Amino acid sequence: QVQVVESGGGLVQAGGSLRLSCVASEPMFSFNTMGWYRQAPGKQRELVATLTPGGSTNYADSVKGRFTISRASAKKTAYLQMNSLKPEDTAVYYCNGRWDGVNYWGQGTQVTVSS
């Protein structure tokens, strides 16, 4: 069964850091662009960052300079390093990957930033 699983969320004070992980059952991050998304209560899901197989990255303006997307050499794990967290970063964070023409989403991991 193809799946992606996020982990690493939690409660952190403003200014703190967290690193989210996304583990895939297939080496999908080697072949297709993957992304981290987030959804805050009452808001639509929004793109946070993307990473292409070639290593190019793209970030939402709200997280530029604070978040870093990366991929492990084994290509089945991706990360989102989040520094200088703000209360407005509070959301459920989701990993997205594509395999064999199908988009896969994880169950999400909650990130809560207290002021």
N, C-alpha and C. Protein backbone atom coordinates (compact mmCIF):
# COMPACT_ATOMS: atom_id res chain seq x y z
N GLN A 1 0.84 -1.18 0.00
CA GLN A 1 0.00 0.00 0.00
C GLN A 1 0.89 1.24 0.00
N VAL A 2 0.67 2.11 -0.96
CA VAL A 2 1.46 3.33 -1.05
C VAL A 2 0.96 4.33 -0.02
N GLN A 3 1.88 4.92 0.72
CA GLN A 3 1.47 5.90 1.72
C GLN A 3 2.61 6.84 2.06
N VAL A 4 2.24 7.97 2.63
CA VAL A 4 3.21 8.90 3.20
C VAL A 4 2.76 9.17 4.62
N VAL A 5 3.72 9.29 5.52
CA VAL A 5 3.42 9.45 6.94
C VAL A 5 4.25 10.59 7.50
N GLU A 6 3.57 11.58 8.06
CA GLU A 6 4.26 12.71 8.67
C GLU A 6 4.46 12.48 10.16
N SER A 7 5.48 13.14 10.69
CA SER A 7 5.72 13.12 12.13
C SER A 7 6.53 14.36 12.50
N GLY A 8 6.65 14.59 13.80
CA GLY A 8 7.50 15.66 14.27
C GLY A 8 6.79 16.91 14.76
N GLY A 9 5.47 16.94 14.65
CA GLY A 9 4.75 18.10 15.14
C GLY A 9 4.74 18.16 16.65
N GLY A 10 4.21 19.26 17.16
CA GLY A 10 4.14 19.41 18.61
C GLY A 10 3.84 20.83 19.00
N LEU A 11 3.99 21.08 20.29
CA LEU A 11 3.76 22.42 20.86
C LEU A 11 5.11 23.08 21.11
N VAL A 12 5.26 24.30 20.63
CA VAL A 12 6.51 25.02 20.79
C VAL A 12 6.21 26.49 21.04
N GLN A 13 7.09 27.15 21.74
CA GLN A 13 6.91 28.59 21.97
C GLN A 13 7.35 29.38 20.74
N ALA A 14 6.81 30.55 20.61
CA ALA A 14 7.21 31.43 19.52
C ALA A 14 8.73 31.63 19.55
N GLY A 15 9.32 31.58 18.37
CA GLY A 15 10.77 31.69 18.26
C GLY A 15 11.48 30.35 18.26
N GLY A 16 10.76 29.30 18.59
CA GLY A 16 11.34 27.97 18.65
C GLY A 16 11.41 27.30 17.29
N SER A 17 11.86 26.04 17.32
CA SER A 17 12.05 25.28 16.09
C SER A 17 11.42 23.90 16.20
N LEU A 18 11.06 23.37 15.05
CA LEU A 18 10.61 21.98 14.92
C LEU A 18 11.10 21.45 13.58
N ARG A 19 11.30 20.14 13.52
CA ARG A 19 11.60 19.52 12.24
C ARG A 19 10.56 18.44 11.96
N LEU A 20 9.85 18.60 10.87
CA LEU A 20 8.86 17.62 10.46
C LEU A 20 9.52 16.62 9.50
N SER A 21 9.06 15.39 9.59
CA SER A 21 9.53 14.34 8.70
C SER A 21 8.37 13.76 7.92
N CYS A 22 8.66 13.32 6.71
CA CYS A 22 7.67 12.64 5.87
C CYS A 22 8.34 11.41 5.29
N VAL A 23 7.82 10.25 5.65
CA VAL A 23 8.37 8.99 5.17
C VAL A 23 7.40 8.38 4.18
N ALA A 24 7.91 8.05 3.00
CA ALA A 24 7.08 7.45 1.96
C ALA A 24 7.39 5.97 1.82
N SER A 25 6.42 5.23 1.35
CA SER A 25 6.61 3.79 1.17
C SER A 25 7.31 3.48 -0.15
N GLU A 26 7.35 4.48 -1.05
CA GLU A 26 8.01 4.32 -2.34
C GLU A 26 8.96 5.50 -2.54
N PRO A 27 9.95 5.37 -3.43
CA PRO A 27 10.92 6.45 -3.63
C PRO A 27 10.36 7.58 -4.48
N MET A 28 9.16 8.04 -4.12
CA MET A 28 8.45 9.00 -4.95
C MET A 28 9.15 10.34 -5.02
N PHE A 29 9.89 10.71 -3.98
CA PHE A 29 10.52 12.02 -3.96
C PHE A 29 11.68 12.11 -4.94
N SER A 30 12.13 10.96 -5.43
CA SER A 30 13.21 10.94 -6.42
C SER A 30 12.70 11.25 -7.83
N PHE A 31 11.38 11.06 -8.03
CA PHE A 31 10.86 11.12 -9.39
C PHE A 31 9.86 12.25 -9.61
N ASN A 32 9.30 12.76 -8.54
CA ASN A 32 8.28 13.80 -8.67
C ASN A 32 8.46 14.86 -7.60
N THR A 33 8.00 16.05 -7.92
CA THR A 33 8.03 17.13 -6.94
C THR A 33 7.16 16.78 -5.75
N MET A 34 7.68 17.02 -4.56
CA MET A 34 6.91 16.81 -3.35
C MET A 34 6.69 18.14 -2.66
N GLY A 35 5.70 18.17 -1.77
CA GLY A 35 5.42 19.43 -1.11
C GLY A 35 4.95 19.27 0.32
N TRP A 36 5.15 20.31 1.08
CA TRP A 36 4.57 20.44 2.41
C TRP A 36 3.46 21.50 2.32
N TYR A 37 2.33 21.17 2.92
CA TYR A 37 1.18 22.06 2.96
C TYR A 37 0.74 22.20 4.40
N ARG A 38 -0.07 23.20 4.67
CA ARG A 38 -0.62 23.35 6.01
C ARG A 38 -2.04 23.88 5.94
N GLN A 39 -2.79 23.55 6.98
CA GLN A 39 -4.17 24.03 7.06
C GLN A 39 -4.47 24.45 8.49
N ALA A 40 -4.75 25.72 8.64
CA ALA A 40 -5.11 26.27 9.94
C ALA A 40 -6.63 26.17 10.11
N PRO A 41 -7.11 26.18 11.35
CA PRO A 41 -8.56 26.09 11.58
C PRO A 41 -9.31 27.19 10.84
N GLY A 42 -10.35 26.80 10.11
CA GLY A 42 -11.17 27.76 9.40
C GLY A 42 -10.56 28.31 8.13
N LYS A 43 -9.41 27.78 7.74
CA LYS A 43 -8.74 28.28 6.54
C LYS A 43 -8.53 27.15 5.54
N GLN A 44 -8.27 27.53 4.29
CA GLN A 44 -7.99 26.54 3.27
C GLN A 44 -6.56 26.03 3.41
N ARG A 45 -6.34 24.84 2.89
CA ARG A 45 -5.00 24.30 2.87
C ARG A 45 -4.13 25.14 1.95
N GLU A 46 -2.92 25.44 2.40
CA GLU A 46 -2.03 26.27 1.60
C GLU A 46 -0.67 25.61 1.45
N LEU A 47 -0.02 25.97 0.34
CA LEU A 47 1.30 25.43 0.06
C LEU A 47 2.33 26.12 0.94
N VAL A 48 3.22 25.34 1.51
CA VAL A 48 4.30 25.88 2.34
C VAL A 48 5.61 25.85 1.57
N ALA A 49 5.94 24.69 1.00
CA ALA A 49 7.21 24.56 0.29
C ALA A 49 7.15 23.36 -0.64
N THR A 50 7.95 23.43 -1.72
CA THR A 50 8.06 22.31 -2.64
C THR A 50 9.53 22.01 -2.92
N LEU A 51 9.77 20.77 -3.33
CA LEU A 51 11.12 20.30 -3.62
C LEU A 51 11.04 19.41 -4.85
N THR A 52 11.80 19.77 -5.90
CA THR A 52 11.80 18.96 -7.11
C THR A 52 12.81 17.83 -7.00
N PRO A 53 12.72 16.82 -7.86
CA PRO A 53 13.72 15.74 -7.84
C PRO A 53 15.13 16.27 -8.07
N GLY A 54 15.26 17.36 -8.79
CA GLY A 54 16.58 17.94 -9.02
C GLY A 54 17.10 18.79 -7.89
N GLY A 55 16.26 19.01 -6.88
CA GLY A 55 16.71 19.75 -5.71
C GLY A 55 16.29 21.20 -5.66
N SER A 56 15.52 21.66 -6.63
CA SER A 56 15.04 23.05 -6.60
C SER A 56 13.94 23.18 -5.56
N THR A 57 13.95 24.32 -4.88
CA THR A 57 12.96 24.55 -3.82
C THR A 57 12.15 25.80 -4.10
N ASN A 58 10.97 25.83 -3.49
CA ASN A 58 10.11 27.00 -3.60
C ASN A 58 9.38 27.14 -2.27
N TYR A 59 9.23 28.37 -1.81
CA TYR A 59 8.61 28.60 -0.50
C TYR A 59 7.51 29.65 -0.59
N ALA A 60 6.53 29.49 0.27
CA ALA A 60 5.54 30.55 0.44
C ALA A 60 6.25 31.78 1.03
N ASP A 61 5.79 32.94 0.66
CA ASP A 61 6.43 34.16 1.15
C ASP A 61 6.44 34.22 2.68
N SER A 62 5.41 33.68 3.29
CA SER A 62 5.27 33.77 4.74
C SER A 62 6.30 32.95 5.50
N VAL A 63 6.97 32.01 4.82
CA VAL A 63 7.94 31.16 5.51
C VAL A 63 9.36 31.29 4.98
N LYS A 64 9.54 32.09 3.94
CA LYS A 64 10.87 32.26 3.36
C LYS A 64 11.86 32.76 4.41
N GLY A 65 13.02 32.13 4.42
CA GLY A 65 14.05 32.52 5.37
C GLY A 65 13.93 31.86 6.72
N ARG A 66 12.80 31.20 6.97
CA ARG A 66 12.59 30.54 8.26
C ARG A 66 12.48 29.03 8.12
N PHE A 67 11.88 28.55 7.04
CA PHE A 67 11.67 27.13 6.81
C PHE A 67 12.62 26.64 5.73
N THR A 68 13.01 25.37 5.86
CA THR A 68 13.86 24.73 4.86
C THR A 68 13.33 23.34 4.56
N ILE A 69 13.09 23.09 3.28
CA ILE A 69 12.64 21.76 2.84
C ILE A 69 13.86 21.01 2.34
N SER A 70 13.91 19.71 2.64
CA SER A 70 15.04 18.92 2.21
C SER A 70 14.62 17.46 2.06
N ARG A 71 15.57 16.66 1.57
CA ARG A 71 15.26 15.26 1.30
C ARG A 71 16.48 14.44 1.72
N ALA A 72 16.23 13.30 2.31
CA ALA A 72 17.32 12.42 2.71
C ALA A 72 17.88 11.71 1.48
N SER A 73 19.12 11.27 1.58
CA SER A 73 19.78 10.64 0.44
C SER A 73 19.07 9.36 0.01
N ALA A 74 18.38 8.72 0.93
CA ALA A 74 17.65 7.50 0.60
C ALA A 74 16.41 7.78 -0.23
N LYS A 75 16.03 9.05 -0.33
CA LYS A 75 14.97 9.53 -1.22
C LYS A 75 13.56 9.12 -0.81
N LYS A 76 13.39 8.43 0.29
CA LYS A 76 12.05 8.10 0.75
C LYS A 76 11.61 8.98 1.92
N THR A 77 12.47 9.86 2.35
CA THR A 77 12.18 10.72 3.50
C THR A 77 12.45 12.17 3.13
N ALA A 78 11.50 13.02 3.49
CA ALA A 78 11.66 14.45 3.29
C ALA A 78 11.45 15.15 4.62
N TYR A 79 11.99 16.36 4.72
CA TYR A 79 11.94 17.09 5.97
C TYR A 79 11.46 18.52 5.74
N LEU A 80 10.97 19.09 6.81
CA LEU A 80 10.68 20.52 6.82
C LEU A 80 11.23 21.07 8.13
N GLN A 81 12.35 21.76 8.03
CA GLN A 81 12.93 22.40 9.21
C GLN A 81 12.29 23.75 9.38
N MET A 82 11.71 23.97 10.54
CA MET A 82 10.97 25.22 10.79
C MET A 82 11.63 25.95 11.95
N ASN A 83 12.18 27.11 11.67
CA ASN A 83 12.83 27.94 12.67
C ASN A 83 12.06 29.24 12.87
N SER A 84 12.36 29.91 13.96
CA SER A 84 11.72 31.20 14.26
C SER A 84 10.20 31.12 14.10
N LEU A 85 9.64 30.09 14.70
CA LEU A 85 8.21 29.86 14.54
C LEU A 85 7.38 30.98 15.16
N LYS A 86 6.25 31.23 14.50
CA LYS A 86 5.32 32.27 14.92
C LYS A 86 3.96 31.65 15.24
N PRO A 87 3.16 32.30 16.06
CA PRO A 87 1.82 31.76 16.34
C PRO A 87 1.01 31.52 15.06
N GLU A 88 1.22 32.33 14.05
CA GLU A 88 0.48 32.16 12.80
C GLU A 88 0.92 30.95 11.99
N ASP A 89 1.97 30.28 12.43
CA ASP A 89 2.38 29.02 11.80
C ASP A 89 1.58 27.84 12.34
N THR A 90 0.78 28.07 13.34
CA THR A 90 -0.04 27.00 13.92
C THR A 90 -0.98 26.43 12.87
N ALA A 91 -0.92 25.13 12.66
CA ALA A 91 -1.72 24.46 11.63
C ALA A 91 -1.44 22.97 11.67
N VAL A 92 -2.22 22.23 10.92
CA VAL A 92 -1.88 20.84 10.63
C VAL A 92 -1.05 20.84 9.36
N TYR A 93 0.10 20.20 9.42
CA TYR A 93 1.02 20.17 8.29
C TYR A 93 0.92 18.82 7.59
N TYR A 94 0.82 18.88 6.26
CA TYR A 94 0.66 17.69 5.45
C TYR A 94 1.80 17.56 4.43
N CYS A 95 2.15 16.33 4.19
CA CYS A 95 3.13 16.00 3.16
C CYS A 95 2.37 15.48 1.94
N ASN A 96 2.85 15.85 0.77
CA ASN A 96 2.23 15.39 -0.47
C ASN A 96 3.30 14.84 -1.39
N GLY A 97 3.02 13.66 -1.94
CA GLY A 97 3.92 13.06 -2.91
C GLY A 97 3.13 12.40 -4.02
N ARG A 98 3.79 12.18 -5.14
CA ARG A 98 3.11 11.60 -6.29
C ARG A 98 3.82 10.33 -6.73
N TRP A 99 3.03 9.27 -6.95
CA TRP A 99 3.62 8.00 -7.36
C TRP A 99 2.69 7.32 -8.34
N ASP A 100 3.24 6.94 -9.47
CA ASP A 100 2.47 6.22 -10.48
C ASP A 100 1.21 6.99 -10.88
N GLY A 101 1.36 8.31 -10.98
CA GLY A 101 0.26 9.15 -11.45
C GLY A 101 -0.78 9.51 -10.42
N VAL A 102 -0.56 9.13 -9.18
CA VAL A 102 -1.54 9.38 -8.11
C VAL A 102 -0.89 10.24 -7.03
N ASN A 103 -1.64 11.25 -6.56
CA ASN A 103 -1.18 12.07 -5.44
C ASN A 103 -1.51 11.41 -4.12
N TYR A 104 -0.56 11.42 -3.22
CA TYR A 104 -0.77 10.83 -1.90
C TYR A 104 -0.55 11.88 -0.83
N TRP A 105 -1.46 11.86 0.15
CA TRP A 105 -1.38 12.76 1.29
C TRP A 105 -1.24 11.96 2.57
N GLY A 106 -0.47 12.51 3.51
CA GLY A 106 -0.41 11.89 4.81
C GLY A 106 -1.58 12.33 5.67
N GLN A 107 -1.57 11.85 6.89
CA GLN A 107 -2.67 12.16 7.81
C GLN A 107 -2.49 13.51 8.48
N GLY A 108 -1.31 14.08 8.35
CA GLY A 108 -1.04 15.38 8.93
C GLY A 108 -0.42 15.29 10.31
N THR A 109 0.32 16.33 10.67
CA THR A 109 0.89 16.43 12.01
C THR A 109 0.64 17.85 12.52
N GLN A 110 0.16 17.93 13.76
CA GLN A 110 -0.24 19.22 14.32
C GLN A 110 0.97 19.99 14.82
N VAL A 111 1.05 21.24 14.42
CA VAL A 111 2.06 22.16 14.94
C VAL A 111 1.33 23.31 15.63
N THR A 112 1.65 23.51 16.88
CA THR A 112 1.03 24.60 17.64
C THR A 112 2.13 25.48 18.21
N VAL A 113 2.05 26.77 17.90
CA VAL A 113 3.05 27.73 18.36
C VAL A 113 2.37 28.69 19.33
N SER A 114 2.86 28.68 20.55
CA SER A 114 2.27 29.56 21.57
C SER A 114 3.01 30.89 21.63
N SER A 115 2.27 31.94 21.96
CA SER A 115 2.88 33.28 22.02
C SER A 115 3.43 33.57 23.40
